[in-house]
Amino acid sequence: MAGGLRAYAPAKVNLYLHVGPARKDGRHPLDSLVVFAGREAADRLELTVADDTGLDVEGPFAEEAGPIESNLVLEAYRRLCCQVRLPGDKARHLQFVLNKYLPAGAGIGGGSADAAAALRLMVLDHFKLSTRTMTDIAPQLGGDVLACVWNRPVLMRGDGDDVIPLDDPKGILKRGPGSGLPAVLVNPGMFCPTGPVFRRFDEMDVARELDLQPLTEVPDEDALLSWLRRDTKNDLQAAACDLVPEIAFVLEQLEAQAGVRLARMSGSGATCFAVFDDMGFALESQARLSREHPDWWVRATLLGEGAQ
């Protein structure tokens, strides 16, 4: 696609996820610290000007992405067309190619990341519109999309529409040499749809009011991980493990790896992550887990700012 625009759509990882009691509308208020992966764990999206707007989905998880017409990349384009007046010539017709390297229904926001990448390419790079246009449309597409638009560590609250970028004065979670949390992401190849997990969570009657003292600034790495282990959890983890027992086995395997500092499920599952002392431990664990479980999706990466 010579002359086209390209962007990565990196995996979203919830370092913690607290879930409040269901409201009258059936939805749950959320509180989460969200970070993003590097290029090793990301979809790729390409955009070119064309005679008609369309989407081609390729890559190892293309079939899992679902019907083309309901893909969030095209929905992002449709919402943009409804929100603003686009040029009336051929420049408004866009062809997308989405390369799916992230598993679907995996708790790492693959579809949301794709939609966010589409918004960044269209709004900022192609049509040269305001950032406000992008952030106005994002919540209409799903609870994780606004966080994925930021593509940097954020606190995500409410229905996902209350997103606060995290202050990181020491650059602990920046994208670059010596920064980011060394981690391994693992998905056991099990589809774990969000709806049933939340229903099981409600049945377990373990919801609590969201009263965690907000983290407004990233301390040093040791303090951050200590705070995560001491004061936070993923409230959906038990419900997801009840529905998909393989998740508990993945967590056991991650916790048994050398150099692990924190192991948890992301989102509503089934992807789990482990944070390591350094990237050497993460790469060794990726090799070991891939060898012992060849049917698993395993990626070593740095968590923090997302790949661009």
Protein backbone atom coordinates (compact mmCIF):
# COMPACT_ATOMS: atom_id res chain seq x y z
CA MET A 1 0.00 0.00 0.00
CA ALA A 2 2.50 2.59 -1.21
CA GLY A 3 1.66 6.08 -0.01
CA GLY A 4 -0.74 4.84 2.66
CA LEU A 5 -0.86 5.58 6.35
CA ARG A 6 -0.02 2.93 8.92
CA ALA A 7 -0.49 2.50 12.65
CA TYR A 8 -0.06 -0.16 15.29
CA ALA A 9 -3.03 -1.19 17.44
CA PRO A 10 -1.32 -2.57 20.56
CA ALA A 11 -2.83 -4.86 23.17
CA LYS A 12 -4.41 -3.12 26.15
CA VAL A 13 -3.56 -4.58 29.56
CA ASN A 14 -5.42 -3.86 32.78
CA LEU A 15 -2.81 -3.85 35.54
CA TYR A 16 -5.78 -3.85 37.88
CA LEU A 17 -9.53 -3.84 37.31
CA HIS A 18 -12.04 -3.05 40.04
CA VAL A 19 -15.73 -3.48 39.29
CA GLY A 20 -18.53 -1.80 41.21
CA PRO A 21 -22.09 -3.11 41.78
CA ALA A 22 -24.38 -3.15 38.76
CA ARG A 23 -26.47 -0.02 38.26
CA LYS A 24 -30.14 0.03 37.30
CA ASP A 25 -29.14 -0.02 33.62
CA GLY A 26 -27.22 -3.26 34.22
CA ARG A 27 -23.81 -1.68 33.62
CA HIS A 28 -20.96 -1.68 36.15
CA PRO A 29 -18.75 1.28 37.07
CA LEU A 30 -15.08 0.45 36.55
CA ASP A 31 -11.76 1.56 37.95
CA SER A 32 -8.62 0.40 36.14
CA LEU A 33 -5.00 1.23 35.42
CA VAL A 34 -4.46 0.57 31.72
CA VAL A 35 -1.15 0.17 29.92
CA PHE A 36 -0.26 -0.94 26.40
CA ALA A 37 2.08 -3.38 24.68
CA GLY A 38 4.80 -2.91 22.11
CA ARG A 39 4.89 -4.02 18.49
CA GLU A 40 5.31 -7.66 19.51
CA ALA A 41 1.67 -7.71 20.67
CA ALA A 42 -0.22 -5.45 18.29
CA ASP A 43 -2.48 -5.47 15.27
CA ARG A 44 -1.47 -3.41 12.23
CA LEU A 45 -3.80 -1.08 10.35
CA GLU A 46 -3.20 0.54 6.96
CA LEU A 47 -5.26 3.26 5.28
CA THR A 48 -5.24 4.49 1.68
CA VAL A 49 -7.49 6.75 -0.38
CA ALA A 50 -9.71 4.66 -2.68
CA ASP A 51 -12.74 4.87 -4.98
CA ASP A 52 -14.92 3.23 -2.33
CA THR A 53 -14.58 2.66 1.40
CA GLY A 54 -13.87 -0.90 2.48
CA LEU A 55 -11.96 -3.17 4.83
CA ASP A 56 -9.81 -6.26 4.27
CA VAL A 57 -8.88 -8.33 7.31
CA GLU A 58 -5.78 -10.51 7.13
CA GLY A 59 -3.39 -12.24 9.52
CA PRO A 60 -3.45 -15.23 11.89
CA PHE A 61 -6.60 -14.13 13.74
CA ALA A 62 -8.54 -12.78 10.75
CA GLU A 63 -11.31 -15.37 11.03
CA GLU A 64 -11.83 -14.56 14.72
CA ALA A 65 -12.38 -10.89 13.92
CA GLY A 66 -15.99 -11.54 12.91
CA PRO A 67 -18.06 -10.07 10.04
CA ILE A 68 -16.47 -7.22 8.10
CA GLU A 69 -19.55 -4.98 8.26
CA SER A 70 -19.64 -5.04 12.07
CA ASN A 71 -15.90 -4.45 12.48
CA LEU A 72 -15.15 -1.44 14.68
CA VAL A 73 -12.74 0.00 12.11
CA LEU A 74 -15.61 0.58 9.67
CA GLU A 75 -17.87 1.69 12.52
CA ALA A 76 -15.29 4.32 13.45
CA TYR A 77 -15.39 5.58 9.85
CA ARG A 78 -19.21 5.67 9.85
CA ARG A 79 -19.31 7.56 13.15
CA LEU A 80 -16.78 10.07 11.85
CA CYS A 81 -18.90 10.66 8.74
CA CYS A 82 -21.93 11.32 10.96
CA GLN A 83 -20.05 13.63 13.31
CA VAL A 84 -18.24 15.99 10.95
CA ARG A 85 -18.48 17.23 7.39
CA LEU A 86 -15.80 15.39 5.41
CA PRO A 87 -14.46 16.46 2.00
CA GLY A 88 -16.90 15.70 -0.82
CA ASP A 89 -14.30 14.38 -3.24
CA LYS A 90 -12.60 10.96 -3.42
CA ALA A 91 -10.38 11.82 -0.44
CA ARG A 92 -13.25 10.84 1.83
CA HIS A 93 -13.31 7.23 0.55
CA LEU A 94 -10.85 5.07 2.41
CA GLN A 95 -9.62 1.51 2.08
CA PHE A 96 -8.42 -0.20 5.28
CA VAL A 97 -6.29 -3.31 5.63
CA LEU A 98 -6.30 -4.77 9.13
CA ASN A 99 -3.68 -7.38 10.02
CA LYS A 100 -4.96 -9.28 13.08
CA TYR A 101 -2.17 -10.54 15.33
CA LEU A 102 -4.16 -10.26 18.58
CA PRO A 103 -6.64 -12.98 19.60
CA ALA A 104 -10.31 -11.97 19.80
CA GLY A 105 -12.43 -12.10 22.95
CA ALA A 106 -9.19 -12.07 24.90
CA GLY A 107 -9.47 -9.20 27.41
CA ILE A 108 -6.76 -7.13 25.69
CA GLY A 109 -9.00 -4.80 23.70
CA GLY A 110 -8.08 -5.98 20.21
CA GLY A 111 -11.19 -4.57 18.53
CA SER A 112 -11.01 -1.40 20.62
CA ALA A 113 -7.35 -0.92 19.74
CA ASP A 114 -8.19 -1.34 16.04
CA ALA A 115 -10.94 1.29 16.28
CA ALA A 116 -8.60 3.67 18.12
CA ALA A 117 -5.90 3.21 15.49
CA ALA A 118 -8.48 3.95 12.78
CA LEU A 119 -9.50 7.14 14.56
CA ARG A 120 -5.91 8.30 14.93
CA LEU A 121 -5.17 7.66 11.25
CA MET A 122 -8.36 9.30 9.99
CA VAL A 123 -8.74 12.22 12.36
CA LEU A 124 -5.14 13.24 12.98
CA ASP A 125 -3.18 12.03 9.95
CA HIS A 126 -5.58 11.97 6.99
CA PHE A 127 -8.32 14.55 7.50
CA LYS A 128 -6.26 16.74 9.90
CA LEU A 129 -9.15 17.26 12.31
CA SER A 130 -9.05 18.16 15.99
CA THR A 131 -8.14 15.76 18.75
CA ARG A 132 -11.52 16.62 20.30
CA THR A 133 -13.26 15.02 17.32
CA MET A 134 -11.42 11.78 18.01
CA THR A 135 -12.08 11.73 21.75
CA ASP A 136 -15.77 12.58 21.22
CA ILE A 137 -16.29 9.61 18.90
CA ALA A 138 -14.23 7.04 20.83
CA PRO A 139 -16.70 6.40 23.72
CA GLN A 140 -19.46 5.73 21.18
CA LEU A 141 -17.53 2.70 19.93
CA GLY A 142 -17.00 0.85 23.22
CA GLY A 143 -15.78 1.13 26.79
CA ASP A 144 -12.06 0.64 26.04
CA VAL A 145 -11.76 2.75 22.89
CA LEU A 146 -11.07 6.10 24.53
CA ALA A 147 -8.23 4.63 26.60
CA CYS A 148 -6.84 3.00 23.44
CA VAL A 149 -6.98 6.35 21.63
CA TRP A 150 -4.66 7.79 24.27
CA ASN A 151 -2.35 4.77 23.80
CA ARG A 152 -0.46 5.59 26.98
CA PRO A 153 -0.88 4.68 30.67
CA VAL A 154 -4.24 5.97 31.89
CA LEU A 155 -6.69 5.60 34.73
CA MET A 156 -9.99 4.44 33.23
CA ARG A 157 -13.16 4.94 35.23
CA GLY A 158 -16.93 5.03 34.95
CA ASP A 159 -18.05 3.33 31.75
CA GLY A 160 -14.62 3.86 30.22
CA ASP A 161 -15.48 7.44 29.27
CA ASP A 162 -13.59 8.94 32.22
CA VAL A 163 -9.95 8.60 31.21
CA ILE A 164 -7.11 10.36 33.01
CA PRO A 165 -3.56 10.15 31.57
CA LEU A 166 -1.11 9.10 34.25
CA ASP A 167 1.69 11.47 35.17
CA ASP A 168 5.02 9.68 34.70
CA PRO A 169 7.78 12.19 35.55
CA LYS A 170 10.48 9.52 35.85
CA GLY A 171 9.58 7.89 32.52
CA ILE A 172 8.97 4.48 34.13
CA LEU A 173 6.35 3.53 31.54
CA LYS A 174 7.69 5.41 28.52
CA ARG A 175 8.35 3.65 25.21
CA GLY A 176 12.10 3.44 24.80
CA PRO A 177 15.34 1.79 25.97
CA GLY A 178 15.32 1.03 29.68
CA SER A 179 11.66 1.92 30.15
CA GLY A 180 8.41 -0.03 30.39
CA LEU A 181 7.49 -3.09 32.44
CA PRO A 182 9.05 -6.33 31.07
CA ALA A 183 6.14 -8.71 30.65
CA VAL A 184 4.74 -11.80 28.98
CA LEU A 185 1.17 -12.01 27.67
CA VAL A 186 -0.43 -15.46 27.40
CA ASN A 187 -3.75 -16.52 25.89
CA PRO A 188 -4.61 -20.24 26.04
CA GLY A 189 -6.66 -20.09 22.84
CA MET A 190 -9.95 -19.95 24.73
CA PHE A 191 -12.68 -17.45 23.82
CA CYS A 192 -13.90 -15.66 26.96
CA PRO A 193 -16.80 -13.32 26.08
CA THR A 194 -17.31 -10.35 28.36
CA GLY A 195 -21.06 -10.69 28.93
CA PRO A 196 -21.04 -14.13 30.57
CA VAL A 197 -18.10 -13.13 32.79
CA PHE A 198 -19.98 -10.12 34.14
CA ARG A 199 -23.10 -12.23 34.67
CA ARG A 200 -21.10 -14.78 36.64
CA PHE A 201 -19.50 -11.92 38.61
CA ASP A 202 -23.00 -10.68 39.54
CA GLU A 203 -24.07 -14.19 40.54
CA MET A 204 -21.07 -14.46 42.87
CA ASP A 205 -22.25 -11.28 44.66
CA VAL A 206 -18.75 -9.99 45.36
CA ALA A 207 -19.07 -6.47 43.93
CA ARG A 208 -17.78 -3.66 46.12
CA GLU A 209 -17.97 0.09 46.08
CA LEU A 210 -15.06 1.68 44.24
CA ASP A 211 -13.07 3.50 46.90
CA LEU A 212 -9.45 2.96 45.85
CA GLN A 213 -7.29 6.02 46.44
CA PRO A 214 -6.44 7.20 42.92
CA LEU A 215 -2.90 6.86 41.63
CA THR A 216 -2.10 10.22 40.05
CA GLU A 217 1.61 9.71 39.43
CA VAL A 218 3.82 6.72 38.64
CA PRO A 219 6.33 6.26 41.47
CA ASP A 220 9.41 4.13 40.85
CA GLU A 221 8.85 0.63 39.45
CA ASP A 222 9.26 -1.15 42.79
CA ALA A 223 6.71 1.10 44.49
CA LEU A 224 4.25 0.73 41.61
CA LEU A 225 4.37 -3.07 41.66
CA SER A 226 4.24 -3.17 45.45
CA TRP A 227 1.10 -0.99 45.40
CA LEU A 228 -0.48 -3.17 42.72
CA ARG A 229 0.15 -6.36 44.70
CA ARG A 230 -0.98 -4.87 48.01
CA ASP A 231 -4.01 -2.74 47.13
CA THR A 232 -5.41 -3.96 43.82
CA LYS A 233 -6.69 -7.02 41.96
CA ASN A 234 -8.76 -7.99 38.94
CA ASP A 235 -12.29 -8.35 40.32
CA LEU A 236 -13.38 -10.40 37.29
CA GLN A 237 -10.61 -12.98 37.59
CA ALA A 238 -12.48 -15.44 39.82
CA ALA A 239 -15.61 -15.29 37.65
CA ALA A 240 -13.60 -15.81 34.45
CA CYS A 241 -11.67 -18.73 35.96
CA ASP A 242 -14.98 -20.30 36.99
CA LEU A 243 -16.20 -20.16 33.38
CA VAL A 244 -12.85 -20.91 31.71
CA PRO A 245 -10.72 -23.04 34.09
CA GLU A 246 -7.78 -22.87 31.68
CA ILE A 247 -7.23 -19.29 32.86
CA ALA A 248 -6.33 -20.51 36.35
CA PHE A 249 -3.84 -22.96 34.82
CA VAL A 250 -2.23 -20.16 32.78
CA LEU A 251 -1.85 -18.08 35.94
CA GLU A 252 -0.24 -21.03 37.74
CA GLN A 253 2.23 -21.43 34.90
CA LEU A 254 3.09 -17.73 34.88
CA GLU A 255 3.53 -17.56 38.65
CA ALA A 256 5.97 -20.48 38.45
CA GLN A 257 8.31 -18.68 36.04
CA ALA A 258 11.64 -17.31 37.24
CA GLY A 259 11.77 -13.57 37.90
CA VAL A 260 8.00 -12.98 38.13
CA ARG A 261 6.88 -9.96 40.16
CA LEU A 262 3.15 -9.87 39.37
CA ALA A 263 0.83 -12.26 37.52
CA ARG A 264 -2.80 -11.46 36.73
CA MET A 265 -5.60 -11.75 34.21
CA SER A 266 -6.28 -8.75 31.95
CA GLY A 267 -9.78 -7.39 31.45
CA SER A 268 -12.45 -10.08 31.40
CA GLY A 269 -9.95 -12.72 30.15
CA ALA A 270 -8.77 -15.05 28.88
CA THR A 271 -5.38 -13.35 28.38
CA CYS A 272 -3.11 -13.23 31.43
CA PHE A 273 0.12 -11.33 31.98
CA ALA A 274 3.18 -11.52 34.16
CA VAL A 275 5.59 -8.69 34.95
CA PHE A 276 9.23 -9.74 35.32
CA ASP A 277 12.41 -8.42 36.91
CA ASP A 278 13.90 -7.78 33.47
CA MET A 279 13.39 -8.55 29.80
CA GLY A 280 15.78 -11.48 29.94
CA PHE A 281 13.45 -13.36 32.28
CA ALA A 282 10.47 -12.41 30.08
CA LEU A 283 12.12 -13.74 26.92
CA GLU A 284 13.18 -16.97 28.65
CA SER A 285 9.62 -17.49 29.87
CA GLN A 286 8.21 -16.79 26.40
CA ALA A 287 10.48 -19.47 24.93
CA ARG A 288 9.69 -21.98 27.68
CA LEU A 289 5.91 -21.47 27.61
CA SER A 290 5.79 -21.55 23.80
CA ARG A 291 7.75 -24.79 23.79
CA GLU A 292 5.65 -26.46 26.50
CA HIS A 293 2.30 -25.15 25.21
CA PRO A 294 2.58 -24.71 21.42
CA ASP A 295 -1.16 -24.01 21.10
CA TRP A 296 -0.93 -20.94 23.37
CA TRP A 297 -0.46 -17.38 22.13
CA VAL A 298 2.61 -16.10 24.02
CA ARG A 299 4.29 -12.71 23.59
CA ALA A 300 7.09 -11.03 25.53
CA THR A 301 6.83 -7.25 25.41
CA LEU A 302 7.26 -4.02 27.37
CA LEU A 303 4.13 -2.57 28.96
CA GLY A 304 3.62 1.17 29.18
CA GLU A 305 3.12 3.50 26.26
CA GLY A 306 1.74 1.67 23.25
CA ALA A 307 3.53 1.04 19.98
CA GLN A 308 2.96 3.84 17.48
